[in-house]
Amino acid sequence: MRLYTLLLIITSISIPLTGNAANTPEAAMANMLMQMNHRPSAAETQQLSAYINDASQPESVRAVAQAISNIDHRASDADKSRLKQVLADDSASDAIKSLAKTVMSFNHQASSAERVLLMKFAGN
């Protein structure tokens, strides 16, 4: 009975932590940035376009998705300007703000320290 109770508690705790978090745009974009070299792949660009064109997504999510899709070795000045607005947006989540910071400093790939932070949002 104790083992059953323990398993039930562990399962109920782990499901919310791993359930939907890995299926969010934030998690997908974090995974992209952790693995990206120089620019997004065609498949990643297609996925980012879906976020960009999804009116149900917050503007901050769409702005970060747009900036990632435009990365060519680094973010453009125009995208960096837009990402600064995301950082100033009180309604933007911590995950989105971290993604915005990573994109702003992206130089061919995310740094080792940024990859560690991205893992927190990637659902891994």
PDB file of N, CA and C in Angstrom:
ATOM      1  N   MET A   1       0.828  -1.192   0.000  1.00  0.00           N
ATOM      2  CA  MET A   1       0.000   0.000   0.000  1.00  0.00           C
ATOM      3  C   MET A   1       0.872   1.256   0.000  1.00  0.00           C
ATOM      4  N   ARG A   2       1.957   1.246   0.782  1.00  0.00           N
ATOM      5  CA  ARG A   2       2.839   2.407   0.827  1.00  0.00           C
ATOM      6  C   ARG A   2       3.473   2.669  -0.529  1.00  0.00           C
ATOM      7  N   LEU A   3       3.909   1.607  -1.207  1.00  0.00           N
ATOM      8  CA  LEU A   3       4.515   1.752  -2.526  1.00  0.00           C
ATOM      9  C   LEU A   3       3.517   2.346  -3.501  1.00  0.00           C
ATOM     10  N   TYR A   4       2.289   1.850  -3.468  1.00  0.00           N
ATOM     11  CA  TYR A   4       1.237   2.369  -4.340  1.00  0.00           C
ATOM     12  C   TYR A   4       1.003   3.853  -4.074  1.00  0.00           C
ATOM     13  N   THR A   5       0.938   4.254  -2.824  1.00  0.00           N
ATOM     14  CA  THR A   5       0.741   5.649  -2.455  1.00  0.00           C
ATOM     15  C   THR A   5       1.911   6.507  -2.926  1.00  0.00           C
ATOM     16  N   LEU A   6       3.117   5.999  -2.740  1.00  0.00           N
ATOM     17  CA  LEU A   6       4.299   6.726  -3.179  1.00  0.00           C
ATOM     18  C   LEU A   6       4.298   6.911  -4.696  1.00  0.00           C
ATOM     19  N   LEU A   7       3.982   5.856  -5.428  1.00  0.00           N
ATOM     20  CA  LEU A   7       3.911   5.955  -6.886  1.00  0.00           C
ATOM     21  C   LEU A   7       2.835   6.935  -7.322  1.00  0.00           C
ATOM     22  N   LEU A   8       1.725   6.927  -6.664  1.00  0.00           N
ATOM     23  CA  LEU A   8       0.633   7.839  -6.979  1.00  0.00           C
ATOM     24  C   LEU A   8       1.063   9.288  -6.760  1.00  0.00           C
ATOM     25  N   ILE A   9       1.763   9.545  -5.678  1.00  0.00           N
ATOM     26  CA  ILE A   9       2.239  10.898  -5.380  1.00  0.00           C
ATOM     27  C   ILE A   9       3.264  11.335  -6.414  1.00  0.00           C
ATOM     28  N   ILE A  10       4.215  10.479  -6.725  1.00  0.00           N
ATOM     29  CA  ILE A  10       5.248  10.824  -7.710  1.00  0.00           C
ATOM     30  C   ILE A  10       4.624  11.080  -9.076  1.00  0.00           C
ATOM     31  N   THR A  11       3.693  10.238  -9.481  1.00  0.00           N
ATOM     32  CA  THR A  11       3.031  10.410 -10.769  1.00  0.00           C
ATOM     33  C   THR A  11       2.245  11.714 -10.817  1.00  0.00           C
ATOM     34  N   SER A  12       1.527  12.025  -9.763  1.00  0.00           N
ATOM     35  CA  SER A  12       0.719  13.248  -9.764  1.00  0.00           C
ATOM     36  C   SER A  12       1.590  14.492  -9.754  1.00  0.00           C
ATOM     37  N   ILE A  13       2.781  14.395  -9.186  1.00  0.00           N
ATOM     38  CA  ILE A  13       3.689  15.536  -9.185  1.00  0.00           C
ATOM     39  C   ILE A  13       4.360  15.683 -10.539  1.00  0.00           C
ATOM     40  N   SER A  14       4.769  14.586 -11.150  1.00  0.00           N
ATOM     41  CA  SER A  14       5.545  14.671 -12.385  1.00  0.00           C
ATOM     42  C   SER A  14       4.706  14.986 -13.610  1.00  0.00           C
ATOM     43  N   ILE A  15       3.465  14.619 -13.638  1.00  0.00           N
ATOM     44  CA  ILE A  15       2.650  14.879 -14.814  1.00  0.00           C
ATOM     45  C   ILE A  15       2.527  16.371 -15.107  1.00  0.00           C
ATOM     46  N   PRO A  16       2.177  17.231 -14.154  1.00  0.00           N
ATOM     47  CA  PRO A  16       2.089  18.645 -14.482  1.00  0.00           C
ATOM     48  C   PRO A  16       3.436  19.257 -14.872  1.00  0.00           C
ATOM     49  N   LEU A  17       4.529  18.739 -14.329  1.00  0.00           N
ATOM     50  CA  LEU A  17       5.824  19.316 -14.649  1.00  0.00           C
ATOM     51  C   LEU A  17       6.306  18.938 -16.035  1.00  0.00           C
ATOM     52  N   THR A  18       5.912  17.772 -16.525  1.00  0.00           N
ATOM     53  CA  THR A  18       6.401  17.335 -17.822  1.00  0.00           C
ATOM     54  C   THR A  18       5.299  17.262 -18.870  1.00  0.00           C
ATOM     55  N   GLY A  19       4.063  17.381 -18.472  1.00  0.00           N
ATOM     56  CA  GLY A  19       2.943  17.223 -19.386  1.00  0.00           C
ATOM     57  C   GLY A  19       2.915  18.216 -20.519  1.00  0.00           C
ATOM     58  N   ASN A  20       2.260  19.331 -20.356  1.00  0.00           N
ATOM     59  CA  ASN A  20       2.059  20.287 -21.430  1.00  0.00           C
ATOM     60  C   ASN A  20       3.229  21.226 -21.645  1.00  0.00           C
ATOM     61  N   ALA A  21       4.131  21.326 -20.694  1.00  0.00           N
ATOM     62  CA  ALA A  21       5.236  22.275 -20.806  1.00  0.00           C
ATOM     63  C   ALA A  21       6.072  22.045 -22.057  1.00  0.00           C
ATOM     64  N   ALA A  22       6.288  20.789 -22.417  1.00  0.00           N
ATOM     65  CA  ALA A  22       7.129  20.479 -23.569  1.00  0.00           C
ATOM     66  C   ALA A  22       6.426  20.771 -24.889  1.00  0.00           C
ATOM     67  N   ASN A  23       5.135  21.025 -24.866  1.00  0.00           N
ATOM     68  CA  ASN A  23       4.384  21.266 -26.093  1.00  0.00           C
ATOM     69  C   ASN A  23       4.102  22.742 -26.340  1.00  0.00           C
ATOM     70  N   THR A  24       4.719  23.621 -25.599  1.00  0.00           N
ATOM     71  CA  THR A  24       4.465  25.044 -25.751  1.00  0.00           C
ATOM     72  C   THR A  24       5.398  25.653 -26.793  1.00  0.00           C
ATOM     73  N   PRO A  25       5.022  26.792 -27.368  1.00  0.00           N
ATOM     74  CA  PRO A  25       5.943  27.488 -28.269  1.00  0.00           C
ATOM     75  C   PRO A  25       7.261  27.835 -27.580  1.00  0.00           C
ATOM     76  N   GLU A  26       7.176  28.201 -26.295  1.00  0.00           N
ATOM     77  CA  GLU A  26       8.387  28.541 -25.554  1.00  0.00           C
ATOM     78  C   GLU A  26       9.348  27.359 -25.503  1.00  0.00           C
ATOM     79  N   ALA A  27       8.825  26.170 -25.217  1.00  0.00           N
ATOM     80  CA  ALA A  27       9.662  24.972 -25.148  1.00  0.00           C
ATOM     81  C   ALA A  27      10.249  24.637 -26.517  1.00  0.00           C
ATOM     82  N   ALA A  28       9.420  24.720 -27.544  1.00  0.00           N
ATOM     83  CA  ALA A  28       9.899  24.417 -28.898  1.00  0.00           C
ATOM     84  C   ALA A  28      10.994  25.394 -29.319  1.00  0.00           C
ATOM     85  N   MET A  29      10.798  26.682 -29.039  1.00  0.00           N
ATOM     86  CA  MET A  29      11.798  27.676 -29.420  1.00  0.00           C
ATOM     87  C   MET A  29      13.076  27.519 -28.603  1.00  0.00           C
ATOM     88  N   ALA A  30      12.948  27.142 -27.327  1.00  0.00           N
ATOM     89  CA  ALA A  30      14.136  26.897 -26.502  1.00  0.00           C
ATOM     90  C   ALA A  30      14.934  25.734 -27.076  1.00  0.00           C
ATOM     91  N   ASN A  31      14.246  24.667 -27.462  1.00  0.00           N
ATOM     92  CA  ASN A  31      14.924  23.525 -28.074  1.00  0.00           C
ATOM     93  C   ASN A  31      15.616  23.918 -29.371  1.00  0.00           C
ATOM     94  N   MET A  32      14.947  24.724 -30.170  1.00  0.00           N
ATOM     95  CA  MET A  32      15.552  25.194 -31.429  1.00  0.00           C
ATOM     96  C   MET A  32      16.849  25.947 -31.160  1.00  0.00           C
ATOM     97  N   LEU A  33      16.780  26.893 -30.229  1.00  0.00           N
ATOM     98  CA  LEU A  33      17.954  27.728 -29.946  1.00  0.00           C
ATOM     99  C   LEU A  33      19.101  26.918 -29.352  1.00  0.00           C
ATOM    100  N   MET A  34      18.790  25.889 -28.567  1.00  0.00           N
ATOM    101  CA  MET A  34      19.843  25.065 -27.979  1.00  0.00           C
ATOM    102  C   MET A  34      20.630  24.322 -29.053  1.00  0.00           C
ATOM    103  N   GLN A  35      19.964  23.971 -30.143  1.00  0.00           N
ATOM    104  CA  GLN A  35      20.592  23.147 -31.176  1.00  0.00           C
ATOM    105  C   GLN A  35      20.995  23.935 -32.425  1.00  0.00           C
ATOM    106  N   MET A  36      20.574  25.180 -32.520  1.00  0.00           N
ATOM    107  CA  MET A  36      20.745  25.951 -33.750  1.00  0.00           C
ATOM    108  C   MET A  36      22.198  26.350 -33.984  1.00  0.00           C
ATOM    109  N   ASN A  37      22.615  26.189 -35.227  1.00  0.00           N
ATOM    110  CA  ASN A  37      23.897  26.682 -35.686  1.00  0.00           C
ATOM    111  C   ASN A  37      23.642  27.604 -36.875  1.00  0.00           C
ATOM    112  N   HIS A  38      23.907  28.869 -36.696  1.00  0.00           N
ATOM    113  CA  HIS A  38      23.857  29.894 -37.734  1.00  0.00           C
ATOM    114  C   HIS A  38      22.450  30.375 -38.098  1.00  0.00           C
ATOM    115  N   ARG A  39      21.520  29.461 -38.323  1.00  0.00           N
ATOM    116  CA  ARG A  39      20.162  29.848 -38.730  1.00  0.00           C
ATOM    117  C   ARG A  39      19.211  28.672 -38.509  1.00  0.00           C
ATOM    118  N   PRO A  40      17.910  28.947 -38.455  1.00  0.00           N
ATOM    119  CA  PRO A  40      16.951  27.842 -38.275  1.00  0.00           C
ATOM    120  C   PRO A  40      16.863  26.978 -39.542  1.00  0.00           C
ATOM    121  N   SER A  41      16.554  25.711 -39.349  1.00  0.00           N
ATOM    122  CA  SER A  41      16.343  24.806 -40.477  1.00  0.00           C
ATOM    123  C   SER A  41      15.020  25.133 -41.167  1.00  0.00           C
ATOM    124  N   ALA A  42      14.792  24.517 -42.300  1.00  0.00           N
ATOM    125  CA  ALA A  42      13.525  24.725 -43.020  1.00  0.00           C
ATOM    126  C   ALA A  42      12.340  24.272 -42.171  1.00  0.00           C
ATOM    127  N   ALA A  43      12.480  23.142 -41.490  1.00  0.00           N
ATOM    128  CA  ALA A  43      11.394  22.637 -40.639  1.00  0.00           C
ATOM    129  C   ALA A  43      11.140  23.583 -39.466  1.00  0.00           C
ATOM    130  N   GLU A  44      12.225  24.104 -38.869  1.00  0.00           N
ATOM    131  CA  GLU A  44      12.070  25.050 -37.761  1.00  0.00           C
ATOM    132  C   GLU A  44      11.422  26.340 -38.242  1.00  0.00           C
ATOM    133  N   THR A  45      11.823  26.805 -39.416  1.00  0.00           N
ATOM    134  CA  THR A  45      11.219  28.020 -39.971  1.00  0.00           C
ATOM    135  C   THR A  45       9.730  27.833 -40.197  1.00  0.00           C
ATOM    136  N   GLN A  46       9.344  26.659 -40.655  1.00  0.00           N
ATOM    137  CA  GLN A  46       7.922  26.361 -40.858  1.00  0.00           C
ATOM    138  C   GLN A  46       7.173  26.375 -39.524  1.00  0.00           C
ATOM    139  N   GLN A  47       7.764  25.766 -38.501  1.00  0.00           N
ATOM    140  CA  GLN A  47       7.134  25.752 -37.181  1.00  0.00           C
ATOM    141  C   GLN A  47       7.040  27.171 -36.616  1.00  0.00           C
ATOM    142  N   LEU A  48       8.089  27.951 -36.782  1.00  0.00           N
ATOM    143  CA  LEU A  48       8.076  29.344 -36.310  1.00  0.00           C
ATOM    144  C   LEU A  48       7.014  30.156 -37.030  1.00  0.00           C
ATOM    145  N   SER A  49       6.848  29.918 -38.314  1.00  0.00           N
ATOM    146  CA  SER A  49       5.813  30.624 -39.086  1.00  0.00           C
ATOM    147  C   SER A  49       4.423  30.346 -38.537  1.00  0.00           C
ATOM    148  N   ALA A  50       4.226  29.119 -38.082  1.00  0.00           N
ATOM    149  CA  ALA A  50       2.920  28.783 -37.485  1.00  0.00           C
ATOM    150  C   ALA A  50       2.680  29.621 -36.234  1.00  0.00           C
ATOM    151  N   TYR A  51       3.709  29.818 -35.409  1.00  0.00           N
ATOM    152  CA  TYR A  51       3.568  30.656 -34.212  1.00  0.00           C
ATOM    153  C   TYR A  51       3.351  32.117 -34.597  1.00  0.00           C
ATOM    154  N   ILE A  52       4.089  32.583 -35.585  1.00  0.00           N
ATOM    155  CA  ILE A  52       3.993  33.976 -36.026  1.00  0.00           C
ATOM    156  C   ILE A  52       2.591  34.291 -36.531  1.00  0.00           C
ATOM    157  N   ASN A  53       2.000  33.351 -37.240  1.00  0.00           N
ATOM    158  CA  ASN A  53       0.688  33.570 -37.855  1.00  0.00           C
ATOM    159  C   ASN A  53      -0.481  33.177 -36.975  1.00  0.00           C
ATOM    160  N   ASP A  54      -0.203  32.697 -35.773  1.00  0.00           N
ATOM    161  CA  ASP A  54      -1.257  32.275 -34.858  1.00  0.00           C
ATOM    162  C   ASP A  54      -1.681  33.466 -33.986  1.00  0.00           C
ATOM    163  N   ALA A  55      -2.809  34.058 -34.344  1.00  0.00           N
ATOM    164  CA  ALA A  55      -3.300  35.251 -33.638  1.00  0.00           C
ATOM    165  C   ALA A  55      -3.625  34.974 -32.166  1.00  0.00           C
ATOM    166  N   SER A  56      -3.767  33.697 -31.798  1.00  0.00           N
ATOM    167  CA  SER A  56      -4.058  33.389 -30.397  1.00  0.00           C
ATOM    168  C   SER A  56      -2.799  33.455 -29.532  1.00  0.00           C
ATOM    169  N   GLN A  57      -1.641  33.506 -30.145  1.00  0.00           N
ATOM    170  CA  GLN A  57      -0.390  33.622 -29.388  1.00  0.00           C
ATOM    171  C   GLN A  57      -0.180  35.074 -28.971  1.00  0.00           C
ATOM    172  N   PRO A  58       0.369  35.299 -27.788  1.00  0.00           N
ATOM    173  CA  PRO A  58       0.675  36.675 -27.374  1.00  0.00           C
ATOM    174  C   PRO A  58       1.680  37.314 -28.336  1.00  0.00           C
ATOM    175  N   GLU A  59       1.633  38.616 -28.433  1.00  0.00           N
ATOM    176  CA  GLU A  59       2.549  39.339 -29.313  1.00  0.00           C
ATOM    177  C   GLU A  59       4.001  39.036 -28.961  1.00  0.00           C
ATOM    178  N   SER A  60       4.302  38.851 -27.690  1.00  0.00           N
ATOM    179  CA  SER A  60       5.682  38.562 -27.285  1.00  0.00           C
ATOM    180  C   SER A  60       6.169  37.235 -27.863  1.00  0.00           C
ATOM    181  N   VAL A  61       5.317  36.225 -27.891  1.00  0.00           N
ATOM    182  CA  VAL A  61       5.669  34.926 -28.473  1.00  0.00           C
ATOM    183  C   VAL A  61       5.895  35.093 -29.973  1.00  0.00           C
ATOM    184  N   ARG A  62       5.007  35.815 -30.624  1.00  0.00           N
ATOM    185  CA  ARG A  62       5.133  36.013 -32.072  1.00  0.00           C
ATOM    186  C   ARG A  62       6.379  36.821 -32.415  1.00  0.00           C
ATOM    187  N   ALA A  63       6.733  37.794 -31.583  1.00  0.00           N
ATOM    188  CA  ALA A  63       7.933  38.604 -31.826  1.00  0.00           C
ATOM    189  C   ALA A  63       9.200  37.759 -31.697  1.00  0.00           C
ATOM    190  N   VAL A  64       9.254  36.922 -30.683  1.00  0.00           N
ATOM    191  CA  VAL A  64      10.425  36.056 -30.504  1.00  0.00           C
ATOM    192  C   VAL A  64      10.505  35.042 -31.644  1.00  0.00           C
ATOM    193  N   ALA A  65       9.377  34.468 -32.018  1.00  0.00           N
ATOM    194  CA  ALA A  65       9.366  33.514 -33.138  1.00  0.00           C
ATOM    195  C   ALA A  65       9.851  34.182 -34.422  1.00  0.00           C
ATOM    196  N   GLN A  66       9.416  35.412 -34.662  1.00  0.00           N
ATOM    197  CA  GLN A  66       9.847  36.145 -35.857  1.00  0.00           C
ATOM    198  C   GLN A  66      11.354  36.391 -35.823  1.00  0.00           C
ATOM    199  N   ALA A  67      11.857  36.792 -34.671  1.00  0.00           N
ATOM    200  CA  ALA A  67      13.289  37.067 -34.549  1.00  0.00           C
ATOM    201  C   ALA A  67      14.112  35.798 -34.754  1.00  0.00           C
ATOM    202  N   ILE A  68      13.650  34.677 -34.218  1.00  0.00           N
ATOM    203  CA  ILE A  68      14.375  33.417 -34.417  1.00  0.00           C
ATOM    204  C   ILE A  68      14.353  33.026 -35.884  1.00  0.00           C
ATOM    205  N   SER A  69      13.202  33.174 -36.527  1.00  0.00           N
ATOM    206  CA  SER A  69      13.109  32.783 -37.938  1.00  0.00           C
ATOM    207  C   SER A  69      14.005  33.651 -38.829  1.00  0.00           C
ATOM    208  N   ASN A  70      14.311  34.870 -38.375  1.00  0.00           N
ATOM    209  CA  ASN A  70      15.157  35.784 -39.151  1.00  0.00           C
ATOM    210  C   ASN A  70      16.645  35.637 -38.844  1.00  0.00           C
ATOM    211  N   ILE A  71      17.001  34.819 -37.848  1.00  0.00           N
ATOM    212  CA  ILE A  71      18.424  34.691 -37.489  1.00  0.00           C
ATOM    213  C   ILE A  71      19.220  34.206 -38.696  1.00  0.00           C
ATOM    214  N   ASP A  72      20.268  34.937 -38.988  1.00  0.00           N
ATOM    215  CA  ASP A  72      21.261  34.521 -39.978  1.00  0.00           C
ATOM    216  C   ASP A  72      22.611  34.828 -39.336  1.00  0.00           C
ATOM    217  N   HIS A  73      23.107  33.903 -38.580  1.00  0.00           N
ATOM    218  CA  HIS A  73      24.306  34.026 -37.749  1.00  0.00           C
ATOM    219  C   HIS A  73      24.035  34.836 -36.481  1.00  0.00           C
ATOM    220  N   ARG A  74      23.220  35.852 -36.585  1.00  0.00           N
ATOM    221  CA  ARG A  74      22.838  36.668 -35.423  1.00  0.00           C
ATOM    222  C   ARG A  74      21.509  37.358 -35.740  1.00  0.00           C
ATOM    223  N   ALA A  75      20.913  37.942 -34.729  1.00  0.00           N
ATOM    224  CA  ALA A  75      19.643  38.655 -34.914  1.00  0.00           C
ATOM    225  C   ALA A  75      19.892  39.994 -35.590  1.00  0.00           C
ATOM    226  N   SER A  76      18.928  40.427 -36.362  1.00  0.00           N
ATOM    227  CA  SER A  76      19.031  41.730 -37.027  1.00  0.00           C
ATOM    228  C   SER A  76      18.799  42.852 -36.017  1.00  0.00           C
ATOM    229  N   ASP A  77      19.238  44.043 -36.367  1.00  0.00           N
ATOM    230  CA  ASP A  77      19.014  45.197 -35.501  1.00  0.00           C
ATOM    231  C   ASP A  77      17.521  45.461 -35.302  1.00  0.00           C
ATOM    232  N   ALA A  78      16.747  45.282 -36.362  1.00  0.00           N
ATOM    233  CA  ALA A  78      15.297  45.494 -36.262  1.00  0.00           C
ATOM    234  C   ALA A  78      14.672  44.507 -35.284  1.00  0.00           C
ATOM    235  N   ASP A  79      15.096  43.245 -35.359  1.00  0.00           N
ATOM    236  CA  ASP A  79      14.569  42.245 -34.431  1.00  0.00           C
ATOM    237  C   ASP A  79      15.028  42.520 -33.008  1.00  0.00           C
ATOM    238  N   LYS A  80      16.270  42.952 -32.834  1.00  0.00           N
ATOM    239  CA  LYS A  80      16.763  43.282 -31.490  1.00  0.00           C
ATOM    240  C   LYS A  80      15.939  44.416 -30.886  1.00  0.00           C
ATOM    241  N   SER A  81      15.575  45.374 -31.704  1.00  0.00           N
ATOM    242  CA  SER A  81      14.748  46.488 -31.228  1.00  0.00           C
ATOM    243  C   SER A  81      13.381  45.981 -30.764  1.00  0.00           C
ATOM    244  N   ARG A  82      12.799  45.098 -31.537  1.00  0.00           N
ATOM    245  CA  ARG A  82      11.499  44.529 -31.185  1.00  0.00           C
ATOM    246  C   ARG A  82      11.610  43.669 -29.920  1.00  0.00           C
ATOM    247  N   LEU A  83      12.724  42.956 -29.776  1.00  0.00           N
ATOM    248  CA  LEU A  83      12.920  42.116 -28.596  1.00  0.00           C
ATOM    249  C   LEU A  83      13.118  42.956 -27.334  1.00  0.00           C
ATOM    250  N   LYS A  84      13.683  44.139 -27.476  1.00  0.00           N
ATOM    251  CA  LYS A  84      13.795  45.042 -26.321  1.00  0.00           C
ATOM    252  C   LYS A  84      12.409  45.416 -25.808  1.00  0.00           C
ATOM    253  N   GLN A  85      11.458  45.551 -26.717  1.00  0.00           N
ATOM    254  CA  GLN A  85      10.077  45.832 -26.315  1.00  0.00           C
ATOM    255  C   GLN A  85       9.490  44.641 -25.557  1.00  0.00           C
ATOM    256  N   VAL A  86       9.836  43.429 -25.988  1.00  0.00           N
ATOM    257  CA  VAL A  86       9.383  42.226 -25.284  1.00  0.00           C
ATOM    258  C   VAL A  86       9.937  42.223 -23.858  1.00  0.00           C
ATOM    259  N   LEU A  87      11.217  42.566 -23.710  1.00  0.00           N
ATOM    260  CA  LEU A  87      11.832  42.594 -22.382  1.00  0.00           C
ATOM    261  C   LEU A  87      11.166  43.621 -21.466  1.00  0.00           C
ATOM    262  N   ALA A  88      10.653  44.692 -22.042  1.00  0.00           N
ATOM    263  CA  ALA A  88      10.000  45.747 -21.262  1.00  0.00           C
ATOM    264  C   ALA A  88       8.529  45.439 -20.983  1.00  0.00           C
ATOM    265  N   ASP A  89       8.002  44.406 -21.619  1.00  0.00           N
ATOM    266  CA  ASP A  89       6.586  44.056 -21.500  1.00  0.00           C
ATOM    267  C   ASP A  89       6.351  43.263 -20.214  1.00  0.00           C
ATOM    268  N   ASP A  90       5.631  43.848 -19.276  1.00  0.00           N
ATOM    269  CA  ASP A  90       5.357  43.188 -17.996  1.00  0.00           C
ATOM    270  C   ASP A  90       4.511  41.929 -18.146  1.00  0.00           C
ATOM    271  N   SER A  91       3.760  41.829 -19.234  1.00  0.00           N
ATOM    272  CA  SER A  91       2.913  40.655 -19.421  1.00  0.00           C
ATOM    273  C   SER A  91       3.663  39.481 -20.052  1.00  0.00           C
ATOM    274  N   ALA A  92       4.872  39.703 -20.540  1.00  0.00           N
ATOM    275  CA  ALA A  92       5.664  38.620 -21.145  1.00  0.00           C
ATOM    276  C   ALA A  92       6.190  37.691 -20.044  1.00  0.00           C
ATOM    277  N   SER A  93       6.151  36.410 -20.323  1.00  0.00           N
ATOM    278  CA  SER A  93       6.608  35.418 -19.339  1.00  0.00           C
ATOM    279  C   SER A  93       8.128  35.448 -19.198  1.00  0.00           C
ATOM    280  N   ASP A  94       8.605  34.872 -18.104  1.00  0.00           N
ATOM    281  CA  ASP A  94      10.051  34.753 -17.892  1.00  0.00           C
ATOM    282  C   ASP A  94      10.693  33.945 -19.007  1.00  0.00           C
ATOM    283  N   ALA A  95      10.004  32.902 -19.468  1.00  0.00           N
ATOM    284  CA  ALA A  95      10.542  32.069 -20.550  1.00  0.00           C
ATOM    285  C   ALA A  95      10.736  32.891 -21.816  1.00  0.00           C
ATOM    286  N   ILE A  96       9.724  33.687 -22.166  1.00  0.00           N
ATOM    287  CA  ILE A  96       9.815  34.506 -23.379  1.00  0.00           C
ATOM    288  C   ILE A  96      10.913  35.546 -23.235  1.00  0.00           C
ATOM    289  N   LYS A  97      11.033  36.136 -22.064  1.00  0.00           N
ATOM    290  CA  LYS A  97      12.094  37.131 -21.855  1.00  0.00           C
ATOM    291  C   LYS A  97      13.471  36.482 -21.952  1.00  0.00           C
ATOM    292  N   SER A  98      13.628  35.284 -21.437  1.00  0.00           N
ATOM    293  CA  SER A  98      14.903  34.581 -21.554  1.00  0.00           C
ATOM    294  C   SER A  98      15.206  34.230 -23.007  1.00  0.00           C
ATOM    295  N   LEU A  99      14.185  33.809 -23.724  1.00  0.00           N
ATOM    296  CA  LEU A  99      14.369  33.529 -25.147  1.00  0.00           C
ATOM    297  C   LEU A  99      14.775  34.795 -25.900  1.00  0.00           C
ATOM    298  N   ALA A 100      14.133  35.902 -25.580  1.00  0.00           N
ATOM    299  CA  ALA A 100      14.454  37.173 -26.232  1.00  0.00           C
ATOM    300  C   ALA A 100      15.911  37.557 -25.975  1.00  0.00           C
ATOM    301  N   LYS A 101      16.361  37.410 -24.730  1.00  0.00           N
ATOM    302  CA  LYS A 101      17.752  37.731 -24.392  1.00  0.00           C
ATOM    303  C   LYS A 101      18.718  36.834 -25.162  1.00  0.00           C
ATOM    304  N   THR A 102      18.382  35.562 -25.263  1.00  0.00           N
ATOM    305  CA  THR A 102      19.246  34.620 -25.979  1.00  0.00           C
ATOM    306  C   THR A 102      19.341  34.996 -27.449  1.00  0.00           C
ATOM    307  N   VAL A 103      18.213  35.347 -28.053  1.00  0.00           N
ATOM    308  CA  VAL A 103      18.224  35.729 -29.468  1.00  0.00           C
ATOM    309  C   VAL A 103      19.034  37.011 -29.669  1.00  0.00           C
ATOM    310  N   MET A 104      18.897  37.952 -28.762  1.00  0.00           N
ATOM    311  CA  MET A 104      19.622  39.221 -28.889  1.00  0.00           C
ATOM    312  C   MET A 104      21.138  39.013 -28.844  1.00  0.00           C
ATOM    313  N   SER A 105      21.594  38.034 -28.076  1.00  0.00           N
ATOM    314  CA  SER A 105      23.042  37.802 -27.957  1.00  0.00           C
ATOM    315  C   SER A 105      23.528  36.654 -28.842  1.00  0.00           C
ATOM    316  N   PHE A 106      22.640  36.057 -29.590  1.00  0.00           N
ATOM    317  CA  PHE A 106      22.974  34.910 -30.435  1.00  0.00           C
ATOM    318  C   PHE A 106      24.086  35.289 -31.411  1.00  0.00           C
ATOM    319  N   ASN A 107      25.138  34.487 -31.435  1.00  0.00           N
ATOM    320  CA  ASN A 107      26.253  34.714 -32.352  1.00  0.00           C
ATOM    321  C   ASN A 107      26.686  33.363 -32.901  1.00  0.00           C
ATOM    322  N   HIS A 108      26.075  32.944 -33.985  1.00  0.00           N
ATOM    323  CA  HIS A 108      26.274  31.654 -34.631  1.00  0.00           C
ATOM    324  C   HIS A 108      25.625  30.506 -33.861  1.00  0.00           C
ATOM    325  N   GLN A 109      25.567  30.630 -32.542  1.00  0.00           N
ATOM    326  CA  GLN A 109      24.882  29.651 -31.700  1.00  0.00           C
ATOM    327  C   GLN A 109      24.711  30.248 -30.304  1.00  0.00           C
ATOM    328  N   ALA A 110      23.864  29.619 -29.517  1.00  0.00           N
ATOM    329  CA  ALA A 110      23.683  30.060 -28.135  1.00  0.00           C
ATOM    330  C   ALA A 110      24.924  29.684 -27.333  1.00  0.00           C
ATOM    331  N   SER A 111      25.278  30.519 -26.375  1.00  0.00           N
ATOM    332  CA  SER A 111      26.434  30.224 -25.523  1.00  0.00           C
ATOM    333  C   SER A 111      26.124  29.047 -24.613  1.00  0.00           C
ATOM    334  N   SER A 112      27.149  28.491 -24.021  1.00  0.00           N
ATOM    335  CA  SER A 112      26.971  27.360 -23.088  1.00  0.00           C
ATOM    336  C   SER A 112      26.079  27.753 -21.916  1.00  0.00           C
ATOM    337  N   ALA A 113      26.287  28.938 -21.384  1.00  0.00           N
ATOM    338  CA  ALA A 113      25.468  29.407 -20.256  1.00  0.00           C
ATOM    339  C   ALA A 113      24.013  29.581 -20.682  1.00  0.00           C
ATOM    340  N   GLU A 114      23.791  30.094 -21.888  1.00  0.00           N
ATOM    341  CA  GLU A 114      22.420  30.262 -22.387  1.00  0.00           C
ATOM    342  C   GLU A 114      21.759  28.904 -22.607  1.00  0.00           C
ATOM    343  N   ARG A 115      22.507  27.929 -23.063  1.00  0.00           N
ATOM    344  CA  ARG A 115      21.944  26.594 -23.270  1.00  0.00           C
ATOM    345  C   ARG A 115      21.480  25.982 -21.962  1.00  0.00           C
ATOM    346  N   VAL A 116      22.227  26.205 -20.909  1.00  0.00           N
ATOM    347  CA  VAL A 116      21.810  25.703 -19.586  1.00  0.00           C
ATOM    348  C   VAL A 116      20.493  26.351 -19.192  1.00  0.00           C
ATOM    349  N   LEU A 117      20.374  27.655 -19.381  1.00  0.00           N
ATOM    350  CA  LEU A 117      19.132  28.365 -19.060  1.00  0.00           C
ATOM    351  C   LEU A 117      17.986  27.887 -19.955  1.00  0.00           C
ATOM    352  N   LEU A 118      18.263  27.690 -21.238  1.00  0.00           N
ATOM    353  CA  LEU A 118      17.221  27.243 -22.172  1.00  0.00           C
ATOM    354  C   LEU A 118      16.666  25.870 -21.797  1.00  0.00           C
ATOM    355  N   MET A 119      17.517  25.030 -21.228  1.00  0.00           N
ATOM    356  CA  MET A 119      17.048  23.698 -20.809  1.00  0.00           C
ATOM    357  C   MET A 119      15.907  23.796 -19.807  1.00  0.00           C
ATOM    358  N   LYS A 120      15.921  24.845 -19.020  1.00  0.00           N
ATOM    359  CA  LYS A 120      14.867  25.066 -18.023  1.00  0.00           C
ATOM    360  C   LYS A 120      13.503  25.246 -18.700  1.00  0.00           C
ATOM    361  N   PHE A 121      13.504  25.853 -19.876  1.00  0.00           N
ATOM    362  CA  PHE A 121      12.246  26.137 -20.570  1.00  0.00           C
ATOM    363  C   PHE A 121      11.925  25.135 -21.676  1.00  0.00           C
ATOM    364  N   ALA A 122      12.877  24.258 -21.977  1.00  0.00           N
ATOM    365  CA  ALA A 122      12.704  23.338 -23.098  1.00  0.00           C
ATOM    366  C   ALA A 122      11.855  22.113 -22.763  1.00  0.00           C
ATOM    367  N   GLY A 123      11.605  21.909 -21.500  1.00  0.00           N
ATOM    368  CA  GLY A 123      10.808  20.742 -21.119  1.00  0.00           C
ATOM    369  C   GLY A 123      11.600  19.451 -21.133  1.00  0.00           C
ATOM    370  N   ASN A 124      12.911  19.554 -21.157  1.00  0.00           N
ATOM    371  CA  ASN A 124      13.779  18.365 -21.167  1.00  0.00           C
ATOM    372  C   ASN A 124      14.084  17.907 -19.764  1.00  0.00           C
TER     373      ASN A 124
END
